[in-house]
Amino acid sequence: MVLESKAGKEKELEEFLKSAQPLAENEPGTQTWYAVKLAPSKYAIFDTFADEAGRDVHLNGAIAKALFGKGRELMESDPAVLQLNVLASKVPGTETKKFGAHSS
C-alpha cells in the first residue's frame, strides 16, 4: 500500500502509521507488518500473510478502515493497494516457503 501525505501532514501521518502497529499485532493471519517512509511525503505499508484468508481479514480490518476513514484527512488521495505474491524469501528463524503478501 502506497500513501502520499498532504503538505504539512507528514508527521501526523507518521504518527498515525505508528499507532496502527498494535492493530497489526492483533491480527493472527498477519505474519509481518511494516510501515515505512519512501520519500519526504511518501509512505508505504508492507505486510505478509500465511494465506489468502489472512490477507482478506487484514484488508477488511481495523487498519484499512482507519486508513480509508480518518487517514483521508492526512493523505492526498486514497491509499494505492497493491497485491503481490512473494516467490522466495529469506526470513530469520523460518524455513523458506511461498506465501502471499500485500505491498506498496
Protein backbone atom coordinates (compact mmCIF):
# COMPACT_ATOMS: atom_id res chain seq x y z
CA MET A 1 0.00 0.00 0.00
CA VAL A 2 1.41 3.39 -1.01
CA LEU A 3 0.38 6.56 0.84
CA GLU A 4 1.07 10.21 -0.07
CA SER A 5 0.68 12.73 2.75
CA LYS A 6 -0.90 16.12 2.31
CA ALA A 7 1.56 19.01 2.53
CA GLY A 8 2.39 19.70 6.16
CA LYS A 9 0.74 16.47 7.38
CA GLU A 10 3.83 14.23 7.18
CA LYS A 11 4.46 13.96 10.93
CA GLU A 12 0.78 13.33 11.62
CA LEU A 13 0.69 10.55 9.03
CA GLU A 14 3.84 9.03 10.52
CA GLU A 15 2.27 9.00 13.98
CA PHE A 16 -0.94 7.58 12.54
CA LEU A 17 1.03 4.73 10.94
CA LYS A 18 2.96 4.05 14.14
CA SER A 19 -0.32 3.89 16.05
CA ALA A 20 -1.51 1.09 13.73
CA GLN A 21 1.18 -1.35 14.91
CA PRO A 22 -0.86 -2.75 17.84
CA LEU A 23 -3.75 -3.37 15.44
CA ALA A 24 -1.45 -5.42 13.18
CA GLU A 25 -0.15 -7.35 16.18
CA ASN A 26 -3.72 -8.39 16.97
CA GLU A 27 -4.23 -9.95 13.52
CA PRO A 28 -3.18 -13.62 13.79
CA GLY A 29 -3.17 -14.01 9.99
CA THR A 30 -0.71 -11.14 9.50
CA GLN A 31 2.79 -12.62 9.68
CA THR A 32 4.79 -9.41 9.22
CA TRP A 33 3.78 -5.74 9.06
CA TYR A 34 5.96 -2.75 8.22
CA ALA A 35 5.15 0.95 7.91
CA VAL A 36 7.96 2.68 6.01
CA LYS A 37 8.90 6.12 4.69
CA LEU A 38 9.86 6.14 1.00
CA ALA A 39 10.36 9.88 0.44
CA PRO A 40 9.61 13.12 2.32
CA SER A 41 5.83 12.78 1.84
CA LYS A 42 5.51 9.21 0.53
CA TYR A 43 4.94 6.19 2.79
CA ALA A 44 4.14 2.53 2.39
CA ILE A 45 2.82 -0.41 4.34
CA PHE A 46 4.21 -3.84 3.51
CA ASP A 47 2.79 -6.92 5.17
CA THR A 48 2.80 -10.67 4.61
CA PHE A 49 0.25 -13.38 5.26
CA ALA A 50 0.24 -17.16 5.55
CA ASP A 51 -2.71 -17.42 3.18
CA GLU A 52 -5.41 -15.52 1.29
CA ALA A 53 -7.78 -15.71 4.27
CA GLY A 54 -5.28 -13.78 6.40
CA ARG A 55 -4.84 -11.20 3.66
CA ASP A 56 -8.62 -10.79 3.30
CA VAL A 57 -9.08 -10.31 7.04
CA HIS A 58 -6.35 -7.67 7.07
CA LEU A 59 -7.61 -5.79 4.00
CA ASN A 60 -11.06 -5.58 5.62
CA GLY A 61 -9.79 -4.96 9.15
CA ALA A 62 -9.21 -2.07 11.52
CA ILE A 63 -6.09 -0.67 9.83
CA ALA A 64 -7.73 -0.49 6.40
CA LYS A 65 -10.86 1.09 7.89
CA ALA A 66 -8.75 3.70 9.67
CA LEU A 67 -6.73 4.50 6.55
CA PHE A 68 -9.81 4.90 4.39
CA GLY A 69 -11.53 6.89 7.17
CA LYS A 70 -9.52 9.30 9.29
CA GLY A 71 -6.46 8.80 7.12
CA ARG A 72 -8.11 10.81 4.36
CA GLU A 73 -7.53 13.94 6.43
CA LEU A 74 -3.80 13.24 6.19
CA MET A 75 -3.40 11.90 2.64
CA GLU A 76 -3.66 13.42 -0.82
CA SER A 77 -5.75 10.50 -2.07
CA ASP A 78 -6.89 7.03 -1.09
CA PRO A 79 -4.03 4.59 -0.49
CA ALA A 80 -2.91 2.60 -3.53
CA VAL A 81 -3.36 -1.06 -2.60
CA LEU A 82 -1.02 -3.41 -4.46
CA GLN A 83 -1.27 -7.16 -4.01
CA LEU A 84 1.68 -9.34 -4.84
CA ASN A 85 2.85 -12.87 -4.20
CA VAL A 86 6.28 -13.48 -2.71
CA LEU A 87 8.05 -16.11 -4.79
CA ALA A 88 11.03 -16.58 -2.48
CA SER A 89 12.20 -15.09 0.79
CA LYS A 90 14.83 -15.18 3.49
CA VAL A 91 13.33 -14.77 6.93
CA PRO A 92 15.41 -15.46 10.05
CA GLY A 93 14.23 -18.44 12.05
CA THR A 94 11.88 -19.85 9.43
CA GLU A 95 12.12 -22.22 6.54
CA THR A 96 11.87 -20.75 3.05
CA LYS A 97 8.37 -21.04 1.62
CA LYS A 98 5.88 -19.27 -0.61
CA PHE A 99 3.30 -17.02 0.97
CA GLY A 100 1.00 -14.18 -0.02
CA ALA A 101 1.91 -10.58 0.60
CA HIS A 102 0.37 -7.16 0.49
CA SER A 103 2.66 -4.34 -0.51
CA SER A 104 3.04 -0.84 -1.59
